[in-house]
Each structure stands twice: as structure tokens, then as C-alpha cells.
Amino acid sequence: QRNAGGAAAVTETRSFSEPFQVGATLKRAFFTFLANFVSFNLLGLLISIPGLLLIVLVFFALGIGIFSLLPADGTAETELPDFGFIHFLGVLGIIALGFSIQYLLAAVIVHGTLQHLRGNKPRILDSLLAGLRRFVPVVLVSFVLGILFVVGWMLFVIPGIIFALMFCVAVPVVMVEQRGVFASLSRSRELTRGQRWRILGLFLLAIALTSIALFVVMIPIEVLTFMLPELLIVRVLVQLAMQLFMIVFFAVLLGVIYHDLRVAKEGISTAQIAAVFD
């Protein structure tokens, strides 16, 4: 089938009967990312830059608060009774902002990913508006997930990995099924049940491949900046770009995982999954 623009809608009515497949999911995520490289990464910039500026402002405000408590001569002999509390709130705020930015980006990219899998050309404005419409539940889910991950990592790492696998498609559930926070977490746990080893293998494989890509790109840049230190800014910009690409790719991967889990478990078509955005 083809959409109005002539692009092949290869997944419009497809449904799976075979189990969730690591290789097929990774391949689908990779080609979805490449097919929408410009638009998806532009979305990443549109969301990340304002968020990063906000984080810088929090740092700046925190710094002003700390420096205002210091004595005029710059020494640290004066007691700073409120420093610990201010610092704690500032760090919590920065962590919360970071999680919110990443999960909002994931939500926006999920919309574009499902449109692509359906055979439509993702539109930047449509995806951005779809994510903003679900901004509050996405932020609330990111807050709950952040707490779970921190607690899990404090409990000797393994519980944190289990939580990450169990709730990895909570944001796609929020976007597509428009459920509440805890209903989305429960739904994610249901969808990933019986597939978490495969999902773990998928993430490990994706991390390995993206790390290799990062290594291949950065080694020549490192050599170049070692020989020409004045090009340090180039290295910084390339590092930032690569980080953005990786964040966007993993957001695509989450959307494809959600799609493939539903199709494999429920026999539902891509068109039915994405119909909520019509």
C-alpha cells in the first residue's frame, strides 16, 4: 500500500504472529532513524536546547544563592547553614528537568516513529504538538520512573535494571493509549512481561553498536584536536551532536519496541496503533 505522497506504507496493515524479534526490532529502529534523520534530530534540538538553557539558569540561580552567602573577602569561614538545603533542591531540580526533557523528547519521537511505521511522513509540528498535549502525564511518569531508577540502583543495581526493562515503554503508552501515570506503568509491565530478556539483549546490542559508532567518529576528531588544539570547539560540537543522535535513536527504539510488542502480543496492526493520532 502507498500513502498520498507515494511512499510505501509497508506496515499499514501488517500484524505479527511470530514472537518479538530482537534483530527485526533493531533493524526497524535503525532504518526509521535514518529515514527521518533530519526531522527527528531537529525535534531533538527544539526540545533539548530550551531545556538545557533552563538547566543552566537553575545552575546560575543556585550559584548566585551560594555566592550571596559567602563573606565579602571570598573566604569560607562564615557558616552557611542553608547551603546544603539549597544545593539539594538545586540538584533535585536539575535531575528532574533532565528526566523531563529526555522523556518529552521520547514522547515526541514516539509519535513520529509510529507515523513512519504506518507509512506516513512524520511532520515536525504535529509530533511536537502531540508531545506537548501529553506533557503533564509524561513529566509525571518521568518523575516516578526517576524515583524508581534511583531506588533500584541504590539496591545494588540489579533492581534498577529490572525496573528499567519493566517500565521501558511507559512513555509510549502515555502517548498512544493516553493512560494515567500508574496505569501506564502497569501497562508497560504487562507488555514487557515474558520479553524482558529479549529487550535487555536488544538494549545491550544497541548500546554496543552506538558505542562503536561513537568511537569510530570521535577517534579522528580526537587525533585532529590533539594536533590542532585550536579546533577543540569542533570536538565539543561533534560530541554534542553524537549525544543528540544517540538520544534520538534510543527514543526511536522505544517507539519501535512498543509497536512490536503490541503487534506481536495482540495481533494488532500498525494502523490501529497509530489511529489515536488521527
C-alpha atoms as a PDB file:
ATOM      1  CA  GLN A   1       0.000   0.000   0.000  1.00  0.00           C
ATOM      2  CA  ARG A   2       1.048   3.621  -0.555  1.00  0.00           C
ATOM      3  CA  ASN A   3       0.129   6.844   1.136  1.00  0.00           C
ATOM      4  CA  ALA A   4      -0.942  10.024  -0.626  1.00  0.00           C
ATOM      5  CA  GLY A   5       2.656  11.117  -1.185  1.00  0.00           C
ATOM      6  CA  GLY A   6       3.582   7.853  -2.843  1.00  0.00           C
ATOM      7  CA  ALA A   7       5.699   6.457  -0.019  1.00  0.00           C
ATOM      8  CA  ALA A   8       5.345   2.775   0.607  1.00  0.00           C
ATOM      9  CA  ALA A   9       3.247   2.046   3.688  1.00  0.00           C
ATOM     10  CA  VAL A  10       4.914  -1.248   4.384  1.00  0.00           C
ATOM     11  CA  THR A  11       3.430  -1.689   7.840  1.00  0.00           C
ATOM     12  CA  GLU A  12      -0.010  -0.167   7.369  1.00  0.00           C
ATOM     13  CA  THR A  13      -1.969  -3.396   7.813  1.00  0.00           C
ATOM     14  CA  ARG A  14       0.758  -5.778   8.872  1.00  0.00           C
ATOM     15  CA  SER A  15       0.428  -7.805  12.043  1.00  0.00           C
ATOM     16  CA  PHE A  16       2.820 -10.317  13.528  1.00  0.00           C
ATOM     17  CA  SER A  17       2.155 -13.842  14.661  1.00  0.00           C
ATOM     18  CA  GLU A  18       5.808 -14.628  15.460  1.00  0.00           C
ATOM     19  CA  PRO A  19       7.437 -13.675  18.790  1.00  0.00           C
ATOM     20  CA  PHE A  20       9.068 -10.344  19.449  1.00  0.00           C
ATOM     21  CA  GLN A  21      12.351 -10.449  17.499  1.00  0.00           C
ATOM     22  CA  VAL A  22      15.470  -8.577  18.647  1.00  0.00           C
ATOM     23  CA  GLY A  23      17.071  -8.366  15.199  1.00  0.00           C
ATOM     24  CA  ALA A  24      13.902  -7.265  13.419  1.00  0.00           C
ATOM     25  CA  THR A  25      13.140  -4.601  16.023  1.00  0.00           C
ATOM     26  CA  LEU A  26      16.670  -3.192  15.962  1.00  0.00           C
ATOM     27  CA  LYS A  27      16.698  -3.139  12.164  1.00  0.00           C
ATOM     28  CA  ARG A  28      13.320  -1.387  12.063  1.00  0.00           C
ATOM     29  CA  ALA A  29      14.513   1.221  14.589  1.00  0.00           C
ATOM     30  CA  PHE A  30      17.745   1.806  12.670  1.00  0.00           C
ATOM     31  CA  PHE A  31      16.025   2.391   9.325  1.00  0.00           C
ATOM     32  CA  THR A  32      13.314   4.545  10.931  1.00  0.00           C
ATOM     33  CA  PHE A  33      16.027   6.700  12.488  1.00  0.00           C
ATOM     34  CA  LEU A  34      17.911   7.059   9.202  1.00  0.00           C
ATOM     35  CA  ALA A  35      14.764   7.755   7.174  1.00  0.00           C
ATOM     36  CA  ASN A  36      13.853  10.642   9.488  1.00  0.00           C
ATOM     37  CA  PHE A  37      17.370  11.688  10.472  1.00  0.00           C
ATOM     38  CA  VAL A  38      16.921  15.412   9.825  1.00  0.00           C
ATOM     39  CA  SER A  39      13.403  15.866  11.198  1.00  0.00           C
ATOM     40  CA  PHE A  40      13.898  13.719  14.301  1.00  0.00           C
ATOM     41  CA  ASN A  41      17.183  15.373  15.255  1.00  0.00           C
ATOM     42  CA  LEU A  42      15.706  18.799  14.596  1.00  0.00           C
ATOM     43  CA  LEU A  43      12.956  17.859  17.035  1.00  0.00           C
ATOM     44  CA  GLY A  44      15.680  16.845  19.460  1.00  0.00           C
ATOM     45  CA  LEU A  45      17.270  20.284  19.150  1.00  0.00           C
ATOM     46  CA  LEU A  46      13.945  22.099  19.513  1.00  0.00           C
ATOM     47  CA  ILE A  47      13.289  20.295  22.795  1.00  0.00           C
ATOM     48  CA  SER A  48      16.813  19.950  24.170  1.00  0.00           C
ATOM     49  CA  ILE A  49      18.113  23.494  23.691  1.00  0.00           C
ATOM     50  CA  PRO A  50      15.366  25.269  25.711  1.00  0.00           C
ATOM     51  CA  GLY A  51      15.643  22.548  28.356  1.00  0.00           C
ATOM     52  CA  LEU A  52      19.425  22.885  28.574  1.00  0.00           C
ATOM     53  CA  LEU A  53      19.116  26.664  28.825  1.00  0.00           C
ATOM     54  CA  LEU A  54      16.668  26.189  31.684  1.00  0.00           C
ATOM     55  CA  ILE A  55      19.122  23.869  33.431  1.00  0.00           C
ATOM     56  CA  VAL A  56      21.873  26.489  33.005  1.00  0.00           C
ATOM     57  CA  LEU A  57      19.571  29.089  34.550  1.00  0.00           C
ATOM     58  CA  VAL A  58      18.972  26.801  37.531  1.00  0.00           C
ATOM     59  CA  PHE A  59      22.738  26.371  37.918  1.00  0.00           C
ATOM     60  CA  PHE A  60      23.178  30.127  37.665  1.00  0.00           C
ATOM     61  CA  ALA A  61      20.446  30.863  40.202  1.00  0.00           C
ATOM     62  CA  LEU A  62      21.898  28.260  42.544  1.00  0.00           C
ATOM     63  CA  GLY A  63      25.342  29.803  42.164  1.00  0.00           C
ATOM     64  CA  ILE A  64      24.027  33.279  42.909  1.00  0.00           C
ATOM     65  CA  GLY A  65      22.330  31.922  46.037  1.00  0.00           C
ATOM     66  CA  ILE A  66      25.534  30.270  47.217  1.00  0.00           C
ATOM     67  CA  PHE A  67      27.795  33.212  46.455  1.00  0.00           C
ATOM     68  CA  SER A  68      25.449  35.628  48.213  1.00  0.00           C
ATOM     69  CA  LEU A  69      26.077  33.655  51.407  1.00  0.00           C
ATOM     70  CA  LEU A  70      29.863  33.908  51.136  1.00  0.00           C
ATOM     71  CA  PRO A  71      31.724  36.641  53.040  1.00  0.00           C
ATOM     72  CA  ALA A  72      32.855  39.667  51.039  1.00  0.00           C
ATOM     73  CA  ASP A  73      36.520  38.676  51.057  1.00  0.00           C
ATOM     74  CA  GLY A  74      35.721  35.338  49.394  1.00  0.00           C
ATOM     75  CA  THR A  75      36.737  33.174  52.348  1.00  0.00           C
ATOM     76  CA  ALA A  76      34.559  30.310  53.539  1.00  0.00           C
ATOM     77  CA  GLU A  77      34.889  30.905  57.283  1.00  0.00           C
ATOM     78  CA  THR A  78      31.294  32.068  57.695  1.00  0.00           C
ATOM     79  CA  GLU A  79      28.746  29.392  58.500  1.00  0.00           C
ATOM     80  CA  LEU A  80      26.466  28.532  55.588  1.00  0.00           C
ATOM     81  CA  PRO A  81      23.510  26.891  57.325  1.00  0.00           C
ATOM     82  CA  ASP A  82      21.288  26.873  54.257  1.00  0.00           C
ATOM     83  CA  PHE A  83      23.864  25.780  51.698  1.00  0.00           C
ATOM     84  CA  GLY A  84      23.136  22.072  51.968  1.00  0.00           C
ATOM     85  CA  PHE A  85      19.384  22.519  51.580  1.00  0.00           C
ATOM     86  CA  ILE A  86      19.732  24.933  48.661  1.00  0.00           C
ATOM     87  CA  HIS A  87      22.224  22.662  46.960  1.00  0.00           C
ATOM     88  CA  PHE A  88      19.986  19.634  47.490  1.00  0.00           C
ATOM     89  CA  LEU A  89      16.953  21.383  45.993  1.00  0.00           C
ATOM     90  CA  GLY A  90      19.026  22.635  43.079  1.00  0.00           C
ATOM     91  CA  VAL A  91      20.380  19.180  42.268  1.00  0.00           C
ATOM     92  CA  LEU A  92      16.897  17.663  42.530  1.00  0.00           C
ATOM     93  CA  GLY A  93      15.543  20.337  40.212  1.00  0.00           C
ATOM     94  CA  ILE A  94      18.288  19.750  37.648  1.00  0.00           C
ATOM     95  CA  ILE A  95      17.781  15.975  37.742  1.00  0.00           C
ATOM     96  CA  ALA A  96      14.010  16.415  37.368  1.00  0.00           C
ATOM     97  CA  LEU A  97      14.490  18.793  34.435  1.00  0.00           C
ATOM     98  CA  GLY A  98      16.891  16.377  32.779  1.00  0.00           C
ATOM     99  CA  PHE A  99      14.463  13.474  33.084  1.00  0.00           C
ATOM    100  CA  SER A 100      11.567  15.621  31.871  1.00  0.00           C
ATOM    101  CA  ILE A 101      13.477  16.782  28.787  1.00  0.00           C
ATOM    102  CA  GLN A 102      14.525  13.268  27.820  1.00  0.00           C
ATOM    103  CA  TYR A 103      11.081  11.784  28.312  1.00  0.00           C
ATOM    104  CA  LEU A 104       9.334  14.645  26.498  1.00  0.00           C
ATOM    105  CA  LEU A 105      11.740  14.081  23.605  1.00  0.00           C
ATOM    106  CA  ALA A 106      10.962  10.357  23.732  1.00  0.00           C
ATOM    107  CA  ALA A 107       7.228  11.108  23.636  1.00  0.00           C
ATOM    108  CA  VAL A 108       7.591  13.386  20.603  1.00  0.00           C
ATOM    109  CA  ILE A 109       9.796  10.907  18.745  1.00  0.00           C
ATOM    110  CA  VAL A 110       7.363   8.053  19.515  1.00  0.00           C
ATOM    111  CA  HIS A 111       4.679   9.979  17.646  1.00  0.00           C
ATOM    112  CA  GLY A 112       6.939  10.439  14.632  1.00  0.00           C
ATOM    113  CA  THR A 113       8.122   6.833  14.758  1.00  0.00           C
ATOM    114  CA  LEU A 114       4.608   5.435  14.663  1.00  0.00           C
ATOM    115  CA  GLN A 115       3.691   7.734  11.802  1.00  0.00           C
ATOM    116  CA  HIS A 116       6.696   6.442   9.869  1.00  0.00           C
ATOM    117  CA  LEU A 117       5.891   2.799  10.624  1.00  0.00           C
ATOM    118  CA  ARG A 118       2.384   3.467   9.409  1.00  0.00           C
ATOM    119  CA  GLY A 119       3.779   4.723   6.105  1.00  0.00           C
ATOM    120  CA  ASN A 120       3.193   8.436   6.626  1.00  0.00           C
ATOM    121  CA  LYS A 121       5.834  11.144   6.574  1.00  0.00           C
ATOM    122  CA  PRO A 122       6.273  12.427  10.159  1.00  0.00           C
ATOM    123  CA  ARG A 123       5.691  16.153  10.486  1.00  0.00           C
ATOM    124  CA  ILE A 124       7.777  18.080  12.996  1.00  0.00           C
ATOM    125  CA  LEU A 125       4.967  20.356  14.148  1.00  0.00           C
ATOM    126  CA  ASP A 126       2.466  17.505  14.504  1.00  0.00           C
ATOM    127  CA  SER A 127       4.882  15.446  16.592  1.00  0.00           C
ATOM    128  CA  LEU A 128       5.826  18.417  18.747  1.00  0.00           C
ATOM    129  CA  LEU A 129       2.212  19.330  19.428  1.00  0.00           C
ATOM    130  CA  ALA A 130       1.316  15.707  20.176  1.00  0.00           C
ATOM    131  CA  GLY A 131       4.088  15.567  22.782  1.00  0.00           C
ATOM    132  CA  LEU A 132       3.119  18.896  24.328  1.00  0.00           C
ATOM    133  CA  ARG A 133      -0.515  17.784  24.634  1.00  0.00           C
ATOM    134  CA  ARG A 134       0.666  14.905  26.813  1.00  0.00           C
ATOM    135  CA  PHE A 135       3.320  16.990  28.582  1.00  0.00           C
ATOM    136  CA  VAL A 136       1.905  16.714  32.113  1.00  0.00           C
ATOM    137  CA  PRO A 137       1.459  12.910  32.253  1.00  0.00           C
ATOM    138  CA  VAL A 138       4.838  12.437  30.518  1.00  0.00           C
ATOM    139  CA  VAL A 139       6.560  14.601  33.144  1.00  0.00           C
ATOM    140  CA  LEU A 140       4.750  12.802  35.957  1.00  0.00           C
ATOM    141  CA  VAL A 141       5.789   9.426  34.550  1.00  0.00           C
ATOM    142  CA  SER A 142       9.380  10.657  34.237  1.00  0.00           C
ATOM    143  CA  PHE A 143       9.280  11.749  37.891  1.00  0.00           C
ATOM    144  CA  VAL A 144       8.012   8.363  39.089  1.00  0.00           C
ATOM    145  CA  LEU A 145      10.479   6.490  36.880  1.00  0.00           C
ATOM    146  CA  GLY A 146      13.321   8.657  38.143  1.00  0.00           C
ATOM    147  CA  ILE A 147      12.493   7.721  41.737  1.00  0.00           C
ATOM    148  CA  LEU A 148      12.217   4.017  40.835  1.00  0.00           C
ATOM    149  CA  PHE A 149      15.533   4.025  38.977  1.00  0.00           C
ATOM    150  CA  VAL A 150      17.363   5.807  41.814  1.00  0.00           C
ATOM    151  CA  VAL A 151      15.931   3.416  44.399  1.00  0.00           C
ATOM    152  CA  GLY A 152      16.705   0.443  42.150  1.00  0.00           C
ATOM    153  CA  TRP A 153      20.325   1.496  41.621  1.00  0.00           C
ATOM    154  CA  MET A 154      20.744   2.056  45.352  1.00  0.00           C
ATOM    155  CA  LEU A 155      19.590  -1.533  45.878  1.00  0.00           C
ATOM    156  CA  PHE A 156      22.747  -2.961  44.261  1.00  0.00           C
ATOM    157  CA  VAL A 157      21.947  -2.036  40.621  1.00  0.00           C
ATOM    158  CA  ILE A 158      20.014  -5.176  39.608  1.00  0.00           C
ATOM    159  CA  PRO A 159      16.591  -3.864  40.734  1.00  0.00           C
ATOM    160  CA  GLY A 160      17.283  -0.686  38.751  1.00  0.00           C
ATOM    161  CA  ILE A 161      17.868  -2.736  35.598  1.00  0.00           C
ATOM    162  CA  ILE A 162      14.682  -4.717  36.265  1.00  0.00           C
ATOM    163  CA  PHE A 163      12.671  -1.506  36.708  1.00  0.00           C
ATOM    164  CA  ALA A 164      14.173  -0.054  33.509  1.00  0.00           C
ATOM    165  CA  LEU A 165      13.158  -3.125  31.499  1.00  0.00           C
ATOM    166  CA  MET A 166       9.755  -3.406  33.119  1.00  0.00           C
ATOM    167  CA  PHE A 167       8.744   0.207  32.528  1.00  0.00           C
ATOM    168  CA  CYS A 168      10.669   0.978  29.331  1.00  0.00           C
ATOM    169  CA  VAL A 169       7.527   1.535  27.231  1.00  0.00           C
ATOM    170  CA  ALA A 170       5.608   3.582  29.807  1.00  0.00           C
ATOM    171  CA  VAL A 171       6.064   6.804  27.818  1.00  0.00           C
ATOM    172  CA  PRO A 172       4.811   5.270  24.537  1.00  0.00           C
ATOM    173  CA  VAL A 173       1.801   4.002  26.489  1.00  0.00           C
ATOM    174  CA  VAL A 174       1.160   7.533  27.784  1.00  0.00           C
ATOM    175  CA  MET A 175       1.371   8.893  24.241  1.00  0.00           C
ATOM    176  CA  VAL A 176      -0.593   6.258  22.354  1.00  0.00           C
ATOM    177  CA  GLU A 177      -3.063   4.845  24.865  1.00  0.00           C
ATOM    178  CA  GLN A 178      -3.405   8.103  26.826  1.00  0.00           C
ATOM    179  CA  ARG A 179      -3.496   6.394  30.187  1.00  0.00           C
ATOM    180  CA  GLY A 180      -2.695   7.883  33.569  1.00  0.00           C
ATOM    181  CA  VAL A 181       0.677   7.618  35.262  1.00  0.00           C
ATOM    182  CA  PHE A 182       0.258   4.408  37.238  1.00  0.00           C
ATOM    183  CA  ALA A 183      -1.974   2.822  34.602  1.00  0.00           C
ATOM    184  CA  SER A 184       0.809   3.449  32.062  1.00  0.00           C
ATOM    185  CA  LEU A 185       3.396   1.848  34.341  1.00  0.00           C
ATOM    186  CA  SER A 186       1.131  -1.165  34.838  1.00  0.00           C
ATOM    187  CA  ARG A 187       0.502  -1.432  31.099  1.00  0.00           C
ATOM    188  CA  SER A 188       4.247  -1.279  30.394  1.00  0.00           C
ATOM    189  CA  ARG A 189       4.843  -4.065  32.890  1.00  0.00           C
ATOM    190  CA  GLU A 190       2.159  -6.126  31.153  1.00  0.00           C
ATOM    191  CA  LEU A 191       3.533  -5.555  27.656  1.00  0.00           C
ATOM    192  CA  THR A 192       7.131  -6.383  28.597  1.00  0.00           C
ATOM    193  CA  ARG A 193       6.255  -9.488  30.603  1.00  0.00           C
ATOM    194  CA  GLY A 194       7.902 -12.548  29.081  1.00  0.00           C
ATOM    195  CA  GLN A 195      10.043 -10.404  26.741  1.00  0.00           C
ATOM    196  CA  ARG A 196      12.420  -8.668  29.171  1.00  0.00           C
ATOM    197  CA  TRP A 197      15.433 -10.854  28.416  1.00  0.00           C
ATOM    198  CA  ARG A 198      14.992 -10.074  24.723  1.00  0.00           C
ATOM    199  CA  ILE A 199      14.569  -6.375  25.496  1.00  0.00           C
ATOM    200  CA  LEU A 200      17.724  -6.455  27.645  1.00  0.00           C
ATOM    201  CA  GLY A 201      19.622  -8.104  24.791  1.00  0.00           C
ATOM    202  CA  LEU A 202      18.211  -5.528  22.390  1.00  0.00           C
ATOM    203  CA  PHE A 203      19.371  -2.624  24.545  1.00  0.00           C
ATOM    204  CA  LEU A 204      22.822  -4.157  25.079  1.00  0.00           C
ATOM    205  CA  LEU A 205      23.214  -4.701  21.345  1.00  0.00           C
ATOM    206  CA  ALA A 206      22.037  -1.161  20.593  1.00  0.00           C
ATOM    207  CA  ILE A 207      24.421   0.271  23.202  1.00  0.00           C
ATOM    208  CA  ALA A 208      27.309  -1.733  21.740  1.00  0.00           C
ATOM    209  CA  LEU A 209      26.596  -0.606  18.168  1.00  0.00           C
ATOM    210  CA  THR A 210      26.111   3.058  19.071  1.00  0.00           C
ATOM    211  CA  SER A 211      29.278   2.977  21.193  1.00  0.00           C
ATOM    212  CA  ILE A 212      31.228   1.604  18.231  1.00  0.00           C
ATOM    213  CA  ALA A 213      29.782   4.346  16.005  1.00  0.00           C
ATOM    214  CA  LEU A 214      30.739   6.963  18.587  1.00  0.00           C
ATOM    215  CA  PHE A 215      34.265   5.521  18.802  1.00  0.00           C
ATOM    216  CA  VAL A 216      34.700   5.485  15.019  1.00  0.00           C
ATOM    217  CA  VAL A 217      33.567   9.101  14.698  1.00  0.00           C
ATOM    218  CA  MET A 218      35.419  10.510  17.705  1.00  0.00           C
ATOM    219  CA  ILE A 219      38.850   8.916  17.234  1.00  0.00           C
ATOM    220  CA  PRO A 220      39.743  11.001  14.132  1.00  0.00           C
ATOM    221  CA  ILE A 221      38.332  14.095  15.862  1.00  0.00           C
ATOM    222  CA  GLU A 222      40.456  13.435  18.954  1.00  0.00           C
ATOM    223  CA  VAL A 223      43.576  12.989  16.819  1.00  0.00           C
ATOM    224  CA  LEU A 224      42.806  16.173  14.891  1.00  0.00           C
ATOM    225  CA  THR A 225      42.280  18.270  18.027  1.00  0.00           C
ATOM    226  CA  PHE A 226      45.450  16.826  19.573  1.00  0.00           C
ATOM    227  CA  MET A 227      47.404  18.030  16.552  1.00  0.00           C
ATOM    228  CA  LEU A 228      45.452  21.310  16.276  1.00  0.00           C
ATOM    229  CA  PRO A 229      44.270  22.349  19.782  1.00  0.00           C
ATOM    230  CA  GLU A 230      42.540  25.411  18.341  1.00  0.00           C
ATOM    231  CA  LEU A 231      39.924  23.010  16.905  1.00  0.00           C
ATOM    232  CA  LEU A 232      38.762  21.998  20.377  1.00  0.00           C
ATOM    233  CA  ILE A 233      35.395  23.635  19.727  1.00  0.00           C
ATOM    234  CA  VAL A 234      34.914  21.250  16.799  1.00  0.00           C
ATOM    235  CA  ARG A 235      35.377  18.266  19.104  1.00  0.00           C
ATOM    236  CA  VAL A 236      32.873  19.678  21.574  1.00  0.00           C
ATOM    237  CA  LEU A 237      30.284  20.279  18.853  1.00  0.00           C
ATOM    238  CA  VAL A 238      30.769  16.799  17.384  1.00  0.00           C
ATOM    239  CA  GLN A 239      30.419  15.242  20.848  1.00  0.00           C
ATOM    240  CA  LEU A 240      27.190  17.158  21.460  1.00  0.00           C
ATOM    241  CA  ALA A 241      25.844  16.156  18.044  1.00  0.00           C
ATOM    242  CA  MET A 242      26.673  12.490  18.632  1.00  0.00           C
ATOM    243  CA  GLN A 243      24.991  12.576  22.034  1.00  0.00           C
ATOM    244  CA  LEU A 244      21.884  14.068  20.450  1.00  0.00           C
ATOM    245  CA  PHE A 245      21.865  11.403  17.722  1.00  0.00           C
ATOM    246  CA  MET A 246      22.132   8.645  20.326  1.00  0.00           C
ATOM    247  CA  ILE A 247      19.340  10.059  22.499  1.00  0.00           C
ATOM    248  CA  VAL A 248      17.064  10.372  19.473  1.00  0.00           C
ATOM    249  CA  PHE A 249      17.944   6.872  18.249  1.00  0.00           C
ATOM    250  CA  PHE A 250      17.046   5.319  21.610  1.00  0.00           C
ATOM    251  CA  ALA A 251      13.775   7.265  21.611  1.00  0.00           C
ATOM    252  CA  VAL A 252      13.025   5.742  18.198  1.00  0.00           C
ATOM    253  CA  LEU A 253      13.975   2.340  19.591  1.00  0.00           C
ATOM    254  CA  LEU A 254      11.481   2.728  22.450  1.00  0.00           C
ATOM    255  CA  GLY A 255       8.725   3.551  19.978  1.00  0.00           C
ATOM    256  CA  VAL A 256       9.556   0.530  17.818  1.00  0.00           C
ATOM    257  CA  ILE A 257       9.761  -1.761  20.864  1.00  0.00           C
ATOM    258  CA  TYR A 258       6.302  -0.614  21.958  1.00  0.00           C
ATOM    259  CA  HIS A 259       4.949  -1.093  18.444  1.00  0.00           C
ATOM    260  CA  ASP A 260       6.461  -4.563  18.019  1.00  0.00           C
ATOM    261  CA  LEU A 261       5.361  -5.742  21.461  1.00  0.00           C
ATOM    262  CA  ARG A 262       1.753  -4.794  20.773  1.00  0.00           C
ATOM    263  CA  VAL A 263       1.756  -6.266  17.302  1.00  0.00           C
ATOM    264  CA  ALA A 264       3.367  -9.498  18.490  1.00  0.00           C
ATOM    265  CA  LYS A 265       1.260  -9.922  21.632  1.00  0.00           C
ATOM    266  CA  GLU A 266      -2.086  -8.577  20.498  1.00  0.00           C
ATOM    267  CA  GLY A 267      -2.033  -9.150  16.741  1.00  0.00           C
ATOM    268  CA  ILE A 268      -2.923  -5.508  16.218  1.00  0.00           C
ATOM    269  CA  SER A 269      -1.925  -3.625  13.052  1.00  0.00           C
ATOM    270  CA  THR A 270       0.274  -0.543  12.885  1.00  0.00           C
ATOM    271  CA  ALA A 271      -2.651   1.465  11.535  1.00  0.00           C
ATOM    272  CA  GLN A 272      -4.735   0.575  14.591  1.00  0.00           C
ATOM    273  CA  ILE A 273      -1.944   1.572  16.959  1.00  0.00           C
ATOM    274  CA  ALA A 274      -1.377   4.947  15.281  1.00  0.00           C
ATOM    275  CA  ALA A 275      -5.097   5.666  14.754  1.00  0.00           C
ATOM    276  CA  VAL A 276      -5.193   7.560  18.049  1.00  0.00           C
ATOM    277  CA  PHE A 277      -3.247  10.374  16.366  1.00  0.00           C
ATOM    278  CA  ASP A 278      -5.778  10.812  13.555  1.00  0.00           C
END
